[in-house]
Amino acid sequence: MVLLGVFGKLHDIIKIDGKNKSITDNIVFRLHYKWTRLLLFVFCIIVSLNSLVGKPIACTGASSDRLQHVMQTYCWITGTFTYEKYFGSANQIGDDKLSVIGIGPGHPEKDEKHHITYYQWVPVVLFLQGVSFYIPHWIWKMFEDHRIRKLVDSMVETKLEEKKRRERQGKVIRYLLDSQGCSRWYAYQYVFCEVLNLLNAVMNIALVDKFLGGNFFTLGTKLIQYDPEDPKAIDPSHYTFPKQTKCTFHLFGLSGTTERVDSICILPVNIFNEKLYAVMWFWFILLTAVTAANLVWRVAMMVSPVLRVWILQMKGHSRDVGNMHVVSQVVNSMTFSDFFFVWLFTKNLNGVVLFDFLREYSKTVGNQLSTDSSRMYPTLPHMLELKQRKSINQAESEKGVQTPLTPSGEDDDVLYASIINKRRA
């Protein structure tokens, strides 16, 4: 019953958010606070169960069962060790050349030892790592404050009449236009949390490397290079996660003298540890690379208006002729931070609802756009077209006439009707 209660609490911690929640981030962000957190908590449960149900350590060399139990507890608490000299070609001892990696006769002071003390802290460290991957998401939730969800719920409510949906859509568009400039820090707060994700991934790699005695950075590469068919090759996991270790236990004899018990210990818990940390190495390296690439993509989005146009064009109706005009008019009217807010909002819309929103938003923006052509950015599909229009604008500017860069409202109506008919066909 106690275990059931513990697992009930753990379920609340590691559960994945439902599909009905609004989207306020991207898949790379979710890799951190959803899937990495879930992976680490599952690893924590596996190692904890092995310690609670199984026998994490077993030592030999005691003269009685009672003394053996005391000695095993002592070795588990204080840690065990291996001898450095028994890794490699010198790991053959005895007349029969018995191959025992890491253990053998050695001098307690002269021979270099490799101490293993991490195994009792593995569940705690895994749990803290899982919490650390949730922190950037928690910070972003504080910044975001459900702004996207409040707008989305008013537009995508099920069984909503078309007239009422359009009324709500108009209110949302009016809010987005009136709040332009008020979301100046919204996008940069999100980018800040993405930077925290990258720093957190790198910090966790460094933390695990320190935790395992400096053997985590190269663990994956050594595993890839290891050839099990080579009789002279040694599995790199044997050094970081040894299954056989030594432990020195001192006790007082009957006469009051100190007796030294040189014990050999078996660590079944390292059978799980070596596999968990091997998976963790590959996952962390992949996660760090993907997060760094995503951050480069975000910086490119910040500095390139052309890229922003392309991003919205790829959202749902990229192949519809004329859609680039609608998207261009939307993007040309806002800063990066305002664009980012609208982009997150459109991630929650699909199909005709998305294009209808872009169309109505563009039509409203078109009525409020300034005649200052310096605010208009060239778009990826229409670089040549805008160059031609620029020459026309220069000629007409002498007469006090300016040509808009986006289609008129009537063109939008014809375009939208053609797209609807095409989708129905």
Protein backbone atom coordinates (compact mmCIF):
# COMPACT_ATOMS: atom_id res chain seq x y z
CA MET A 1 0.00 0.00 0.00
CA VAL A 2 2.90 2.33 0.75
CA LEU A 3 4.36 1.71 -2.73
CA LEU A 4 0.97 2.39 -4.33
CA GLY A 5 0.79 5.71 -2.52
CA VAL A 6 4.30 6.62 -3.63
CA PHE A 7 3.54 5.74 -7.26
CA GLY A 8 0.32 7.74 -7.09
CA LYS A 9 2.30 10.84 -6.16
CA LEU A 10 4.92 10.10 -8.81
CA HIS A 11 2.17 9.88 -11.44
CA ASP A 12 1.22 13.50 -10.73
CA ILE A 13 4.85 14.50 -11.23
CA ILE A 14 5.70 12.63 -14.43
CA LYS A 15 2.34 12.80 -16.21
CA ILE A 16 2.29 14.24 -19.72
CA ASP A 17 -0.04 17.16 -20.40
CA GLY A 18 -3.24 16.42 -22.26
CA LYS A 19 -3.84 17.11 -25.94
CA ASN A 20 -6.58 19.66 -25.27
CA LYS A 21 -4.22 22.25 -23.83
CA SER A 22 -3.17 25.20 -25.93
CA ILE A 23 0.23 25.12 -27.62
CA THR A 24 2.61 27.79 -26.31
CA ASP A 25 5.95 26.27 -27.31
CA ASN A 26 7.50 23.98 -29.92
CA ILE A 27 8.53 20.33 -30.06
CA VAL A 28 12.12 21.05 -28.98
CA PHE A 29 10.88 22.77 -25.83
CA ARG A 30 8.63 19.79 -25.11
CA LEU A 31 11.57 17.39 -25.48
CA HIS A 32 12.98 18.96 -22.33
CA TYR A 33 10.11 19.30 -19.90
CA LYS A 34 8.01 16.36 -21.13
CA TRP A 35 10.10 13.55 -22.55
CA THR A 36 13.44 14.11 -20.81
CA ARG A 37 11.69 14.62 -17.50
CA LEU A 38 9.67 11.45 -18.06
CA LEU A 39 12.80 9.49 -19.02
CA LEU A 40 14.70 10.56 -15.91
CA PHE A 41 11.81 9.86 -13.55
CA VAL A 42 11.30 6.39 -15.05
CA PHE A 43 15.02 5.70 -14.56
CA CYS A 44 14.69 6.90 -10.96
CA ILE A 45 11.82 4.46 -10.34
CA ILE A 46 13.71 1.53 -11.90
CA VAL A 47 16.83 2.09 -9.77
CA SER A 48 14.76 2.69 -6.62
CA LEU A 49 12.77 -0.51 -7.11
CA ASN A 50 15.98 -2.47 -7.59
CA SER A 51 17.29 -1.11 -4.27
CA LEU A 52 14.02 -1.74 -2.41
CA VAL A 53 13.05 -5.13 -3.82
CA GLY A 54 16.37 -6.59 -4.96
CA LYS A 55 19.76 -6.83 -3.31
CA PRO A 56 21.97 -3.96 -4.47
CA ILE A 57 25.21 -5.35 -2.95
CA ALA A 58 26.52 -8.71 -1.77
CA CYS A 59 29.93 -9.12 -0.10
CA THR A 60 31.95 -12.19 0.94
CA GLY A 61 34.72 -12.76 3.48
CA ALA A 62 32.82 -12.61 6.79
CA SER A 63 33.05 -15.47 9.29
CA SER A 64 29.37 -15.33 10.28
CA ASP A 65 26.07 -14.32 8.73
CA ARG A 66 25.62 -11.52 11.24
CA LEU A 67 29.05 -10.10 10.52
CA GLN A 68 28.45 -10.42 6.78
CA HIS A 69 25.26 -8.36 7.04
CA VAL A 70 27.12 -5.67 8.99
CA MET A 71 29.99 -5.70 6.50
CA GLN A 72 27.66 -5.40 3.49
CA THR A 73 25.92 -2.44 5.09
CA TYR A 74 29.28 -0.84 5.81
CA CYS A 75 30.52 -1.34 2.25
CA TRP A 76 27.28 0.03 0.81
CA ILE A 77 27.51 3.17 2.95
CA THR A 78 31.24 3.89 2.62
CA GLY A 79 31.69 2.69 -0.96
CA THR A 80 33.88 0.12 -2.64
CA PHE A 81 36.92 0.33 -4.91
CA THR A 82 38.87 -1.31 -7.72
CA TYR A 83 42.59 -1.28 -8.50
CA GLU A 84 43.67 0.74 -11.52
CA LYS A 85 46.46 -1.70 -12.36
CA TYR A 86 44.00 -4.51 -13.10
CA PHE A 87 42.43 -2.70 -16.03
CA GLY A 88 44.16 -3.75 -19.24
CA SER A 89 46.66 -6.52 -19.94
CA ALA A 90 47.56 -6.86 -16.26
CA ASN A 91 44.07 -8.04 -15.26
CA GLN A 92 45.15 -11.71 -15.23
CA ILE A 93 46.10 -13.14 -11.87
CA GLY A 94 46.78 -16.55 -10.35
CA ASP A 95 48.27 -19.71 -11.79
CA ASP A 96 45.28 -20.22 -14.07
CA LYS A 97 45.48 -16.63 -15.39
CA LEU A 98 41.97 -15.92 -14.16
CA SER A 99 40.66 -12.79 -15.80
CA VAL A 100 39.15 -10.48 -13.17
CA ILE A 101 38.79 -6.85 -14.27
CA GLY A 102 39.59 -4.28 -11.64
CA ILE A 103 40.19 -6.50 -8.62
CA GLY A 104 43.09 -8.57 -7.34
CA PRO A 105 45.77 -8.48 -4.65
CA GLY A 106 47.13 -5.04 -4.05
CA HIS A 107 48.81 -2.83 -1.50
CA PRO A 108 46.28 -0.62 0.33
CA GLU A 109 48.60 2.41 0.25
CA LYS A 110 50.89 2.03 -2.78
CA ASP A 111 48.44 0.86 -5.46
CA GLU A 112 46.11 3.43 -6.99
CA LYS A 113 42.42 2.84 -6.30
CA HIS A 114 39.28 3.77 -8.20
CA HIS A 115 36.61 4.47 -5.58
CA ILE A 116 32.93 3.79 -6.38
CA THR A 117 30.55 5.70 -4.10
CA TYR A 118 27.89 7.05 -6.48
CA TYR A 119 25.46 4.12 -6.56
CA GLN A 120 23.56 5.00 -3.39
CA TRP A 121 22.89 8.53 -4.72
CA VAL A 122 21.72 7.57 -8.23
CA PRO A 123 17.92 7.77 -7.51
CA VAL A 124 18.27 11.17 -5.81
CA VAL A 125 20.39 12.63 -8.61
CA LEU A 126 18.02 11.30 -11.31
CA PHE A 127 15.05 12.88 -9.55
CA LEU A 128 16.80 16.26 -9.22
CA GLN A 129 17.77 16.11 -12.89
CA GLY A 130 14.15 15.53 -13.85
CA VAL A 131 13.11 18.57 -11.80
CA SER A 132 15.81 20.71 -13.43
CA PHE A 133 14.42 19.98 -16.91
CA TYR A 134 11.00 21.24 -15.81
CA ILE A 135 12.23 24.56 -14.40
CA PRO A 136 12.55 26.47 -17.75
CA HIS A 137 9.01 25.38 -18.66
CA TRP A 138 7.73 26.54 -15.28
CA ILE A 139 9.41 29.93 -15.78
CA TRP A 140 7.87 30.25 -19.25
CA LYS A 141 4.42 29.43 -17.83
CA MET A 142 4.85 32.30 -15.35
CA PHE A 143 5.79 34.65 -18.19
CA GLU A 144 3.09 33.46 -20.59
CA ASP A 145 0.26 33.58 -18.04
CA HIS A 146 -2.25 31.67 -20.27
CA ARG A 147 -2.54 34.52 -22.77
CA ILE A 148 -2.64 32.19 -25.79
CA ARG A 149 -5.16 29.84 -24.19
CA LYS A 150 -7.61 32.66 -23.46
CA LEU A 151 -7.60 33.70 -27.11
CA VAL A 152 -7.74 30.16 -28.52
CA ASP A 153 -10.62 29.02 -26.31
CA SER A 154 -12.81 31.78 -27.68
CA MET A 155 -12.25 30.71 -31.30
CA VAL A 156 -11.99 26.92 -31.40
CA GLU A 157 -14.81 26.08 -29.02
CA THR A 158 -16.68 23.01 -30.28
CA LYS A 159 -20.18 23.37 -31.74
CA LEU A 160 -19.74 27.10 -32.20
CA GLU A 161 -21.98 28.76 -34.77
CA GLU A 162 -20.22 30.35 -37.74
CA LYS A 163 -21.64 33.80 -37.06
CA LYS A 164 -20.64 33.68 -33.42
CA ARG A 165 -17.20 32.33 -34.32
CA ARG A 166 -16.62 35.23 -36.70
CA GLU A 167 -17.70 37.69 -34.02
CA ARG A 168 -15.19 36.21 -31.61
CA GLN A 169 -12.57 36.16 -34.36
CA GLY A 170 -13.12 39.86 -34.89
CA LYS A 171 -12.64 40.53 -31.17
CA VAL A 172 -9.42 38.50 -31.18
CA ILE A 173 -8.11 40.41 -34.21
CA ARG A 174 -9.02 43.70 -32.57
CA TYR A 175 -7.17 42.62 -29.41
CA LEU A 176 -4.08 41.61 -31.40
CA LEU A 177 -4.02 44.95 -33.21
CA ASP A 178 -4.66 47.03 -30.10
CA SER A 179 -2.00 45.14 -28.12
CA GLN A 180 0.77 45.57 -30.71
CA GLY A 181 3.81 46.90 -28.94
CA CYS A 182 2.58 45.62 -25.56
CA SER A 183 4.12 42.18 -26.17
CA ARG A 184 7.61 43.58 -26.62
CA TRP A 185 9.16 41.22 -24.08
CA TYR A 186 6.91 38.22 -24.79
CA ALA A 187 9.11 36.69 -27.51
CA TYR A 188 12.36 37.50 -25.74
CA GLN A 189 11.14 35.83 -22.57
CA TYR A 190 10.50 32.69 -24.61
CA VAL A 191 13.97 32.89 -26.19
CA PHE A 192 15.42 33.34 -22.69
CA CYS A 193 13.75 30.08 -21.60
CA GLU A 194 15.13 28.33 -24.70
CA VAL A 195 18.60 29.49 -23.68
CA LEU A 196 17.91 28.09 -20.20
CA ASN A 197 17.04 24.75 -21.83
CA LEU A 198 20.39 24.65 -23.61
CA LEU A 199 22.32 25.65 -20.50
CA ASN A 200 20.42 23.10 -18.44
CA ALA A 201 21.25 20.28 -20.88
CA VAL A 202 24.95 21.18 -20.86
CA MET A 203 24.91 21.54 -17.08
CA ASN A 204 23.37 18.09 -16.68
CA ILE A 205 26.07 16.51 -18.85
CA ALA A 206 28.76 18.17 -16.73
CA LEU A 207 26.95 17.17 -13.53
CA VAL A 208 26.71 13.50 -14.49
CA ASP A 209 30.36 13.49 -15.59
CA LYS A 210 31.38 14.85 -12.20
CA PHE A 211 29.04 12.43 -10.45
CA LEU A 212 30.58 9.42 -12.22
CA GLY A 213 34.13 10.50 -11.57
CA GLY A 214 34.84 12.11 -14.94
CA ASN A 215 33.84 9.07 -17.03
CA PHE A 216 30.60 10.29 -18.64
CA PHE A 217 31.87 12.66 -21.35
CA THR A 218 33.53 9.86 -23.33
CA LEU A 219 31.23 6.99 -22.31
CA GLY A 220 29.22 6.92 -25.54
CA THR A 221 32.21 7.17 -27.87
CA LYS A 222 33.99 4.37 -26.01
CA LEU A 223 30.91 2.16 -26.23
CA ILE A 224 30.74 2.77 -29.99
CA GLN A 225 34.44 1.95 -30.42
CA TYR A 226 34.28 -1.16 -28.22
CA ASP A 227 34.57 -4.43 -30.14
CA PRO A 228 33.18 -7.38 -28.12
CA GLU A 229 34.83 -9.82 -30.55
CA ASP A 230 38.30 -8.59 -29.58
CA PRO A 231 39.61 -10.76 -26.70
CA LYS A 232 41.92 -7.97 -25.52
CA ALA A 233 39.25 -5.30 -25.53
CA ILE A 234 37.64 -4.35 -22.23
CA ASP A 235 34.06 -3.15 -22.02
CA PRO A 236 34.30 0.53 -20.96
CA SER A 237 31.28 -0.02 -18.70
CA HIS A 238 33.43 -2.25 -16.47
CA TYR A 239 35.49 0.74 -15.38
CA THR A 240 32.64 3.16 -14.65
CA PHE A 241 30.08 0.55 -13.53
CA PRO A 242 32.06 -2.42 -12.17
CA LYS A 243 30.10 -5.49 -11.09
CA GLN A 244 32.93 -6.84 -8.89
CA THR A 245 34.66 -4.54 -6.43
CA LYS A 246 36.65 -4.73 -3.21
CA CYS A 247 35.91 -3.43 0.25
CA THR A 248 38.15 -3.32 3.34
CA PHE A 249 36.39 -3.82 6.67
CA HIS A 250 38.07 -3.42 10.09
CA LEU A 251 36.77 -4.89 13.35
CA PHE A 252 38.00 -5.56 16.84
CA GLY A 253 38.97 -9.13 17.70
CA LEU A 254 38.41 -10.93 21.01
CA SER A 255 41.71 -9.71 22.37
CA GLY A 256 41.08 -6.12 21.37
CA THR A 257 43.32 -6.17 18.32
CA THR A 258 42.16 -4.78 14.98
CA GLU A 259 41.33 -7.36 12.34
CA ARG A 260 41.28 -6.47 8.63
CA VAL A 261 38.74 -8.23 6.38
CA ASP A 262 39.46 -7.91 2.65
CA SER A 263 36.10 -8.53 0.99
CA ILE A 264 34.94 -8.95 -2.60
CA CYS A 265 31.58 -7.33 -3.34
CA ILE A 266 29.11 -7.91 -6.16
CA LEU A 267 27.08 -4.89 -7.32
CA PRO A 268 23.94 -6.08 -9.18
CA VAL A 269 22.67 -2.48 -9.19
CA ASN A 270 25.35 -1.56 -11.74
CA ILE A 271 23.74 -3.87 -14.28
CA PHE A 272 20.94 -1.32 -14.48
CA ASN A 273 23.16 1.73 -14.03
CA GLU A 274 25.39 0.99 -17.00
CA LYS A 275 22.43 0.68 -19.36
CA LEU A 276 20.58 3.71 -17.99
CA TYR A 277 23.56 6.00 -18.28
CA ALA A 278 24.43 4.71 -21.76
CA VAL A 279 20.92 5.67 -22.92
CA MET A 280 21.23 8.97 -21.07
CA TRP A 281 24.51 9.83 -22.83
CA PHE A 282 23.05 9.41 -26.31
CA TRP A 283 19.85 11.23 -25.33
CA PHE A 284 21.67 14.19 -23.78
CA ILE A 285 24.02 14.59 -26.76
CA LEU A 286 21.09 14.50 -29.19
CA LEU A 287 19.03 16.85 -27.02
CA THR A 288 21.88 19.37 -26.75
CA ALA A 289 22.50 19.34 -30.50
CA VAL A 290 18.80 19.77 -31.34
CA THR A 291 18.40 22.56 -28.77
CA ALA A 292 21.43 24.43 -30.10
CA ALA A 293 20.14 24.13 -33.68
CA ASN A 294 16.70 25.36 -32.59
CA LEU A 295 18.29 28.37 -30.89
CA VAL A 296 20.13 29.25 -34.11
CA TRP A 297 16.79 28.97 -35.95
CA ARG A 298 15.18 31.32 -33.44
CA VAL A 299 17.91 33.92 -33.89
CA ALA A 300 17.46 33.68 -37.67
CA MET A 301 13.74 34.27 -37.18
CA MET A 302 14.50 37.35 -35.09
CA VAL A 303 16.72 38.99 -37.70
CA SER A 304 15.00 37.90 -40.93
CA PRO A 305 11.51 39.20 -41.86
CA VAL A 306 11.69 37.07 -45.01
CA LEU A 307 11.96 33.95 -42.88
CA ARG A 308 8.95 34.98 -40.82
CA VAL A 309 6.85 35.27 -43.97
CA TRP A 310 7.99 31.82 -45.08
CA ILE A 311 7.13 30.34 -41.67
CA LEU A 312 3.53 31.52 -41.84
CA GLN A 313 3.25 30.48 -45.49
CA MET A 314 4.18 26.92 -44.51
CA LYS A 315 1.40 26.91 -41.94
CA GLY A 316 -1.45 25.06 -43.62
CA HIS A 317 -1.96 26.72 -47.03
CA SER A 318 1.53 27.11 -48.45
CA ARG A 319 0.51 25.81 -51.88
CA ASP A 320 -2.55 28.01 -52.33
CA VAL A 321 -1.93 30.61 -55.01
CA GLY A 322 -1.98 34.10 -53.53
CA ASN A 323 -1.66 33.05 -49.90
CA MET A 324 1.74 34.73 -49.75
CA HIS A 325 0.04 38.11 -50.27
CA VAL A 326 -2.11 37.63 -47.18
CA VAL A 327 0.80 36.40 -45.07
CA SER A 328 3.10 39.16 -46.31
CA GLN A 329 0.63 41.83 -45.29
CA VAL A 330 0.34 40.32 -41.81
CA VAL A 331 4.09 40.03 -41.25
CA ASN A 332 4.94 43.43 -42.72
CA SER A 333 2.77 45.16 -40.14
CA MET A 334 4.43 43.95 -36.94
CA THR A 335 7.68 43.62 -35.01
CA PHE A 336 9.31 40.29 -34.22
CA SER A 337 7.78 40.09 -30.76
CA ASP A 338 4.26 40.77 -32.08
CA PHE A 339 4.86 38.30 -34.90
CA PHE A 340 5.98 35.66 -32.42
CA PHE A 341 2.80 36.08 -30.39
CA VAL A 342 0.62 35.74 -33.52
CA TRP A 343 2.71 32.76 -34.67
CA LEU A 344 2.14 30.92 -31.39
CA PHE A 345 -1.54 31.73 -31.65
CA THR A 346 -1.77 30.32 -35.20
CA LYS A 347 -0.12 27.08 -34.02
CA ASN A 348 -3.44 26.34 -32.30
CA LEU A 349 -5.49 26.90 -35.49
CA ASN A 350 -5.86 24.53 -38.42
CA GLY A 351 -7.48 24.31 -41.82
CA VAL A 352 -9.97 26.92 -43.03
CA VAL A 353 -10.11 28.55 -39.58
CA LEU A 354 -6.41 29.40 -39.87
CA PHE A 355 -6.62 30.91 -43.33
CA ASP A 356 -9.84 32.73 -42.52
CA PHE A 357 -8.11 34.27 -39.52
CA LEU A 358 -5.07 35.33 -41.60
CA ARG A 359 -7.34 36.76 -44.28
CA GLU A 360 -9.47 38.80 -41.87
CA TYR A 361 -6.43 39.87 -39.90
CA SER A 362 -4.72 41.00 -43.11
CA LYS A 363 -7.82 42.88 -44.25
CA THR A 364 -7.99 44.73 -40.93
CA VAL A 365 -4.29 45.46 -41.01
CA GLY A 366 -4.60 46.76 -44.56
CA ASN A 367 -7.00 49.46 -43.37
CA GLN A 368 -4.54 50.64 -40.73
CA LEU A 369 -1.22 50.29 -42.52
CA SER A 370 0.89 53.37 -42.72
CA THR A 371 1.76 54.70 -46.17
CA ASP A 372 5.43 54.65 -45.14
CA SER A 373 6.92 52.05 -47.51
CA SER A 374 10.02 51.73 -45.32
CA ARG A 375 8.03 49.39 -43.06
CA MET A 376 7.43 46.95 -45.89
CA TYR A 377 9.86 44.06 -46.03
CA PRO A 378 10.54 42.06 -49.22
CA THR A 379 9.11 38.56 -49.07
CA LEU A 380 10.76 35.41 -50.28
CA PRO A 381 8.43 34.55 -53.21
CA HIS A 382 8.03 38.14 -54.40
CA MET A 383 11.48 39.70 -54.44
CA LEU A 384 11.34 40.44 -58.19
CA GLU A 385 7.74 41.65 -58.03
CA LEU A 386 8.50 44.14 -55.29
CA LYS A 387 11.54 45.44 -57.18
CA GLN A 388 9.28 46.20 -60.12
CA ARG A 389 6.73 47.86 -57.85
CA LYS A 390 9.48 49.88 -56.20
CA SER A 391 10.41 51.45 -59.53
CA ILE A 392 6.71 52.24 -60.14
CA ASN A 393 6.38 53.76 -56.66
CA GLN A 394 9.40 55.97 -57.26
CA ALA A 395 7.85 57.24 -60.49
CA GLU A 396 4.45 57.85 -58.89
CA SER A 397 5.86 59.39 -55.73
CA GLU A 398 6.76 62.45 -57.75
CA LYS A 399 3.05 62.86 -58.45
CA GLY A 400 2.12 62.23 -54.78
CA VAL A 401 0.70 58.76 -55.49
CA GLN A 402 1.74 55.53 -53.72
CA THR A 403 0.89 51.96 -54.70
CA PRO A 404 0.05 49.44 -51.91
CA LEU A 405 2.19 46.31 -51.72
CA THR A 406 -0.70 43.99 -50.87
CA PRO A 407 -3.87 43.06 -52.75
CA SER A 408 -7.13 44.86 -52.15
CA GLY A 409 -10.00 43.51 -50.05
CA GLU A 410 -11.89 42.43 -53.19
CA ASP A 411 -8.88 40.42 -54.35
CA ASP A 412 -8.82 38.78 -50.93
CA ASP A 413 -12.50 37.81 -51.24
CA VAL A 414 -11.93 36.24 -54.67
CA LEU A 415 -8.81 34.48 -53.40
CA TYR A 416 -10.54 33.10 -50.32
CA ALA A 417 -13.51 31.85 -52.39
CA SER A 418 -11.15 30.09 -54.83
CA ILE A 419 -9.33 28.37 -51.95
CA ILE A 420 -12.57 27.19 -50.34
CA ASN A 421 -13.79 25.75 -53.66
CA LYS A 422 -10.48 24.03 -54.22
CA ARG A 423 -10.57 22.42 -50.73
CA ARG A 424 -14.17 21.22 -51.27
CA ALA A 425 -13.22 19.72 -54.67
